[in-house]
């Protein structure tokens, strides 16, 4: 519980890096960000990653395996040939809504 709450706090600090910046400043490559801004962003990302890895360890979760399984499941739920460019929920692509594309 404590690790999950600490992770939430760190995610909040990460989000603060983007707060009050317009969409243009958050475009790929983060145009207009100073080296100090990027360093700070990297530090906050590292904090999030460290808490996430520790939470996975304490929970007995194989994080790389969980990520691979999630990517596979998402590939089934959101087939690229039908979903590219759309933000619709997977039920829009799968009439049975069981999460497996047909």
N, C-alpha and C. Protein backbone atom coordinates (compact mmCIF):
# COMPACT_ATOMS: atom_id res chain seq x y z
N UNK A 1 0.82 -1.19 0.00
CA UNK A 1 0.00 0.00 0.00
C UNK A 1 0.87 1.26 0.00
N UNK A 2 1.86 1.30 0.86
CA UNK A 2 2.72 2.48 0.96
C UNK A 2 3.46 2.73 -0.34
N UNK A 3 3.93 1.67 -0.99
CA UNK A 3 4.63 1.84 -2.26
C UNK A 3 3.69 2.39 -3.34
N UNK A 4 2.47 1.89 -3.37
CA UNK A 4 1.50 2.38 -4.35
C UNK A 4 1.19 3.86 -4.12
N UNK A 5 1.04 4.24 -2.87
CA UNK A 5 0.77 5.65 -2.55
C UNK A 5 1.98 6.53 -2.88
N UNK A 6 3.17 6.04 -2.59
CA UNK A 6 4.38 6.80 -2.94
C UNK A 6 4.50 6.94 -4.45
N UNK A 7 4.16 5.88 -5.17
CA UNK A 7 4.19 5.93 -6.64
C UNK A 7 3.23 7.00 -7.14
N UNK A 8 2.05 7.05 -6.55
CA UNK A 8 1.07 8.07 -6.94
C UNK A 8 1.62 9.47 -6.74
N UNK A 9 2.29 9.68 -5.63
CA UNK A 9 2.91 10.99 -5.37
C UNK A 9 3.95 11.33 -6.40
N UNK A 10 4.76 10.35 -6.77
CA UNK A 10 5.80 10.59 -7.77
C UNK A 10 5.20 10.87 -9.14
N UNK A 11 4.11 10.19 -9.47
CA UNK A 11 3.43 10.47 -10.75
C UNK A 11 2.91 11.91 -10.74
N UNK A 12 2.43 12.35 -9.60
CA UNK A 12 1.99 13.74 -9.48
C UNK A 12 3.13 14.71 -9.74
N UNK A 13 4.30 14.41 -9.20
CA UNK A 13 5.47 15.27 -9.43
C UNK A 13 5.87 15.24 -10.90
N UNK A 14 5.76 14.08 -11.54
CA UNK A 14 6.04 13.99 -12.97
C UNK A 14 5.07 14.87 -13.76
N UNK A 15 3.80 14.80 -13.40
CA UNK A 15 2.79 15.60 -14.10
C UNK A 15 3.02 17.10 -13.93
N UNK A 16 3.57 17.49 -12.80
CA UNK A 16 3.88 18.90 -12.57
C UNK A 16 4.84 19.44 -13.62
N UNK A 17 5.70 18.58 -14.15
CA UNK A 17 6.64 19.01 -15.19
C UNK A 17 5.91 19.50 -16.43
N UNK A 18 4.70 19.00 -16.65
CA UNK A 18 3.93 19.35 -17.84
C UNK A 18 2.84 20.39 -17.56
N UNK A 19 2.58 20.61 -16.28
CA UNK A 19 1.52 21.54 -15.91
C UNK A 19 1.82 22.94 -16.44
N UNK A 20 0.82 23.56 -16.98
CA UNK A 20 0.85 24.93 -17.49
C UNK A 20 1.64 25.07 -18.78
N UNK A 21 2.05 23.97 -19.38
CA UNK A 21 2.71 24.05 -20.69
C UNK A 21 1.65 23.74 -21.74
N UNK A 22 1.67 24.46 -22.81
CA UNK A 22 0.70 24.21 -23.88
C UNK A 22 1.03 22.94 -24.64
N UNK A 23 0.10 22.53 -25.49
CA UNK A 23 0.29 21.32 -26.29
C UNK A 23 1.55 21.42 -27.15
N UNK A 24 1.84 22.59 -27.68
CA UNK A 24 3.01 22.75 -28.55
C UNK A 24 4.30 22.45 -27.80
N UNK A 25 4.36 22.84 -26.53
CA UNK A 25 5.56 22.60 -25.73
C UNK A 25 5.72 21.14 -25.34
N UNK A 26 4.63 20.38 -25.49
CA UNK A 26 4.67 18.96 -25.13
C UNK A 26 4.69 18.06 -26.35
N UNK A 27 4.96 18.65 -27.49
CA UNK A 27 5.07 17.88 -28.74
C UNK A 27 6.31 16.99 -28.67
N UNK A 28 6.38 15.98 -29.53
CA UNK A 28 7.58 15.12 -29.54
C UNK A 28 8.86 15.95 -29.58
N UNK A 29 9.79 15.55 -28.75
CA UNK A 29 11.05 16.28 -28.66
C UNK A 29 11.03 17.39 -27.62
N UNK A 30 9.86 17.70 -27.11
CA UNK A 30 9.68 18.74 -26.09
C UNK A 30 10.35 20.05 -26.50
N UNK A 31 9.90 20.63 -27.61
CA UNK A 31 10.52 21.87 -28.09
C UNK A 31 10.41 22.99 -27.05
N UNK A 32 11.48 23.70 -26.91
CA UNK A 32 11.51 24.83 -25.99
C UNK A 32 11.88 24.47 -24.56
N UNK A 33 12.04 23.19 -24.26
CA UNK A 33 12.44 22.80 -22.91
C UNK A 33 13.94 23.02 -22.76
N UNK A 34 14.32 23.55 -21.63
CA UNK A 34 15.74 23.76 -21.36
C UNK A 34 16.38 22.43 -20.95
N UNK A 35 17.70 22.41 -20.94
CA UNK A 35 18.40 21.22 -20.47
C UNK A 35 18.04 20.92 -19.01
N UNK A 36 17.87 21.97 -18.23
CA UNK A 36 17.49 21.78 -16.82
C UNK A 36 16.08 21.17 -16.72
N UNK A 37 15.17 21.65 -17.59
CA UNK A 37 13.81 21.08 -17.60
C UNK A 37 13.86 19.59 -17.94
N UNK A 38 14.64 19.25 -18.93
CA UNK A 38 14.75 17.85 -19.36
C UNK A 38 15.40 16.98 -18.27
N UNK A 39 16.39 17.52 -17.62
CA UNK A 39 17.04 16.79 -16.52
C UNK A 39 16.03 16.53 -15.41
N UNK A 40 15.29 17.55 -15.05
CA UNK A 40 14.27 17.40 -14.00
C UNK A 40 13.21 16.37 -14.41
N UNK A 41 12.77 16.43 -15.66
CA UNK A 41 11.79 15.47 -16.16
C UNK A 41 12.35 14.04 -16.05
N UNK A 42 13.58 13.86 -16.47
CA UNK A 42 14.21 12.55 -16.38
C UNK A 42 14.30 12.05 -14.95
N UNK A 43 14.59 12.95 -14.02
CA UNK A 43 14.66 12.56 -12.61
C UNK A 43 13.30 12.11 -12.10
N UNK A 44 12.26 12.83 -12.48
CA UNK A 44 10.91 12.44 -12.04
C UNK A 44 10.48 11.12 -12.68
N UNK A 45 10.83 10.92 -13.94
CA UNK A 45 10.54 9.64 -14.59
C UNK A 45 11.27 8.50 -13.89
N UNK A 46 12.52 8.74 -13.51
CA UNK A 46 13.30 7.73 -12.80
C UNK A 46 12.66 7.38 -11.46
N UNK A 47 12.18 8.39 -10.74
CA UNK A 47 11.50 8.13 -9.47
C UNK A 47 10.29 7.23 -9.68
N UNK A 48 9.48 7.54 -10.70
CA UNK A 48 8.30 6.72 -11.00
C UNK A 48 8.71 5.30 -11.33
N UNK A 49 9.72 5.16 -12.16
CA UNK A 49 10.17 3.84 -12.56
C UNK A 49 10.68 3.04 -11.36
N UNK A 50 11.45 3.68 -10.50
CA UNK A 50 11.99 2.96 -9.34
C UNK A 50 10.88 2.47 -8.41
N UNK A 51 9.89 3.31 -8.16
CA UNK A 51 8.78 2.88 -7.32
C UNK A 51 7.98 1.77 -7.99
N UNK A 52 7.76 1.87 -9.29
CA UNK A 52 7.02 0.84 -10.01
C UNK A 52 7.74 -0.50 -9.98
N UNK A 53 9.04 -0.47 -10.21
CA UNK A 53 9.83 -1.70 -10.18
C UNK A 53 9.81 -2.31 -8.77
N UNK A 54 9.94 -1.48 -7.77
CA UNK A 54 9.92 -1.98 -6.39
C UNK A 54 8.54 -2.55 -6.03
N UNK A 55 7.48 -1.88 -6.47
CA UNK A 55 6.13 -2.37 -6.22
C UNK A 55 5.92 -3.73 -6.89
N UNK A 56 6.39 -3.86 -8.11
CA UNK A 56 6.29 -5.14 -8.82
C UNK A 56 7.06 -6.22 -8.07
N UNK A 57 8.25 -5.89 -7.61
CA UNK A 57 9.07 -6.85 -6.87
C UNK A 57 8.36 -7.30 -5.59
N UNK A 58 7.87 -6.35 -4.82
CA UNK A 58 7.20 -6.68 -3.55
C UNK A 58 5.89 -7.42 -3.77
N UNK A 59 5.30 -7.26 -4.95
CA UNK A 59 4.03 -7.91 -5.27
C UNK A 59 4.21 -9.27 -5.94
N UNK A 60 5.46 -9.59 -6.27
CA UNK A 60 5.71 -10.85 -6.96
C UNK A 60 5.28 -10.83 -8.41
N UNK A 61 5.28 -9.65 -9.01
CA UNK A 61 4.89 -9.48 -10.41
C UNK A 61 6.14 -9.41 -11.28
N UNK A 62 6.20 -10.25 -12.30
CA UNK A 62 7.28 -10.19 -13.28
C UNK A 62 6.89 -9.09 -14.26
N UNK A 63 7.42 -7.90 -14.03
CA UNK A 63 7.00 -6.73 -14.79
C UNK A 63 7.24 -6.87 -16.29
N UNK A 64 8.41 -7.32 -16.75
CA UNK A 64 8.57 -7.50 -18.20
C UNK A 64 7.57 -8.49 -18.79
N UNK A 65 7.28 -9.57 -18.07
CA UNK A 65 6.31 -10.55 -18.56
C UNK A 65 4.91 -9.94 -18.57
N UNK A 66 4.58 -9.18 -17.55
CA UNK A 66 3.27 -8.53 -17.49
C UNK A 66 3.11 -7.53 -18.64
N UNK A 67 4.17 -6.79 -18.96
CA UNK A 67 4.12 -5.84 -20.08
C UNK A 67 3.95 -6.58 -21.41
N UNK A 68 4.67 -7.65 -21.59
CA UNK A 68 4.56 -8.43 -22.83
C UNK A 68 3.15 -8.99 -22.98
N UNK A 69 2.60 -9.51 -21.89
CA UNK A 69 1.24 -10.06 -21.94
C UNK A 69 0.22 -8.97 -22.23
N UNK A 70 0.42 -7.80 -21.64
CA UNK A 70 -0.51 -6.68 -21.87
C UNK A 70 -0.45 -6.21 -23.31
N UNK A 71 0.74 -6.14 -23.88
CA UNK A 71 0.88 -5.75 -25.29
C UNK A 71 0.17 -6.76 -26.19
N UNK A 72 0.32 -8.04 -25.88
CA UNK A 72 -0.35 -9.08 -26.66
C UNK A 72 -1.86 -8.94 -26.56
N UNK A 73 -2.35 -8.75 -25.35
CA UNK A 73 -3.80 -8.61 -25.12
C UNK A 73 -4.32 -7.36 -25.84
N UNK A 74 -3.61 -6.25 -25.75
CA UNK A 74 -4.04 -5.04 -26.44
C UNK A 74 -4.05 -5.23 -27.95
N UNK A 75 -3.09 -5.99 -28.47
CA UNK A 75 -3.07 -6.28 -29.90
C UNK A 75 -4.30 -7.04 -30.35
N UNK A 76 -4.82 -7.89 -29.47
CA UNK A 76 -6.04 -8.63 -29.78
C UNK A 76 -7.27 -7.73 -29.64
N UNK A 77 -7.27 -6.89 -28.63
CA UNK A 77 -8.42 -6.02 -28.39
C UNK A 77 -8.51 -4.89 -29.41
N UNK A 78 -7.35 -4.43 -29.85
CA UNK A 78 -7.29 -3.28 -30.75
C UNK A 78 -6.49 -3.65 -32.00
N UNK A 79 -7.07 -4.42 -32.92
CA UNK A 79 -6.32 -4.80 -34.12
C UNK A 79 -5.96 -3.56 -34.94
N UNK A 80 -4.68 -3.45 -35.26
CA UNK A 80 -4.17 -2.25 -35.93
C UNK A 80 -4.90 -1.93 -37.22
N UNK A 81 -5.26 -2.95 -37.98
CA UNK A 81 -5.93 -2.68 -39.26
C UNK A 81 -7.30 -2.05 -39.08
N UNK A 82 -7.91 -2.19 -37.91
CA UNK A 82 -9.23 -1.60 -37.66
C UNK A 82 -9.18 -0.41 -36.71
N UNK A 83 -8.11 -0.26 -35.98
CA UNK A 83 -8.08 0.74 -34.90
C UNK A 83 -7.17 1.93 -35.15
N UNK A 84 -6.25 1.81 -36.08
CA UNK A 84 -5.28 2.88 -36.27
C UNK A 84 -5.99 4.22 -36.48
N UNK A 85 -5.59 5.19 -35.69
CA UNK A 85 -6.14 6.54 -35.81
C UNK A 85 -7.44 6.75 -35.05
N UNK A 86 -7.90 5.76 -34.30
CA UNK A 86 -9.15 5.87 -33.57
C UNK A 86 -8.90 5.75 -32.08
N UNK A 87 -9.72 6.41 -31.30
CA UNK A 87 -9.61 6.30 -29.84
C UNK A 87 -10.83 5.60 -29.25
N UNK A 88 -11.60 4.92 -30.10
CA UNK A 88 -12.79 4.23 -29.63
C UNK A 88 -12.42 3.07 -28.70
N UNK A 89 -13.35 2.71 -27.85
CA UNK A 89 -13.15 1.58 -26.94
C UNK A 89 -13.18 0.28 -27.73
N UNK A 90 -12.53 -0.75 -27.18
CA UNK A 90 -12.42 -2.02 -27.90
C UNK A 90 -13.77 -2.63 -28.24
N UNK A 91 -14.81 -2.31 -27.49
CA UNK A 91 -16.13 -2.87 -27.79
C UNK A 91 -16.64 -2.38 -29.14
N UNK A 92 -16.10 -1.29 -29.64
CA UNK A 92 -16.48 -0.80 -30.96
C UNK A 92 -15.95 -1.68 -32.07
N UNK A 93 -14.89 -2.42 -31.78
CA UNK A 93 -14.26 -3.25 -32.79
C UNK A 93 -14.65 -4.71 -32.64
N UNK A 94 -15.17 -5.08 -31.48
CA UNK A 94 -15.49 -6.47 -31.17
C UNK A 94 -16.94 -6.56 -30.71
N UNK A 95 -17.82 -6.99 -31.57
CA UNK A 95 -19.23 -7.04 -31.20
C UNK A 95 -19.49 -7.87 -29.95
N UNK A 96 -18.69 -8.90 -29.72
CA UNK A 96 -18.91 -9.73 -28.54
C UNK A 96 -18.38 -9.07 -27.28
N UNK A 97 -17.57 -8.04 -27.43
CA UNK A 97 -17.03 -7.26 -26.32
C UNK A 97 -16.29 -8.12 -25.29
N UNK A 98 -15.69 -9.18 -25.74
CA UNK A 98 -14.93 -10.02 -24.81
C UNK A 98 -13.46 -9.69 -24.83
N UNK A 99 -13.08 -8.69 -25.62
CA UNK A 99 -11.70 -8.27 -25.66
C UNK A 99 -10.84 -8.98 -26.68
N UNK A 100 -11.44 -9.84 -27.51
CA UNK A 100 -10.69 -10.54 -28.52
C UNK A 100 -11.25 -10.19 -29.89
N UNK A 101 -10.39 -9.62 -30.72
CA UNK A 101 -10.83 -9.24 -32.07
C UNK A 101 -11.10 -10.48 -32.90
N UNK A 102 -12.08 -10.37 -33.76
CA UNK A 102 -12.41 -11.50 -34.63
C UNK A 102 -12.34 -11.07 -36.08
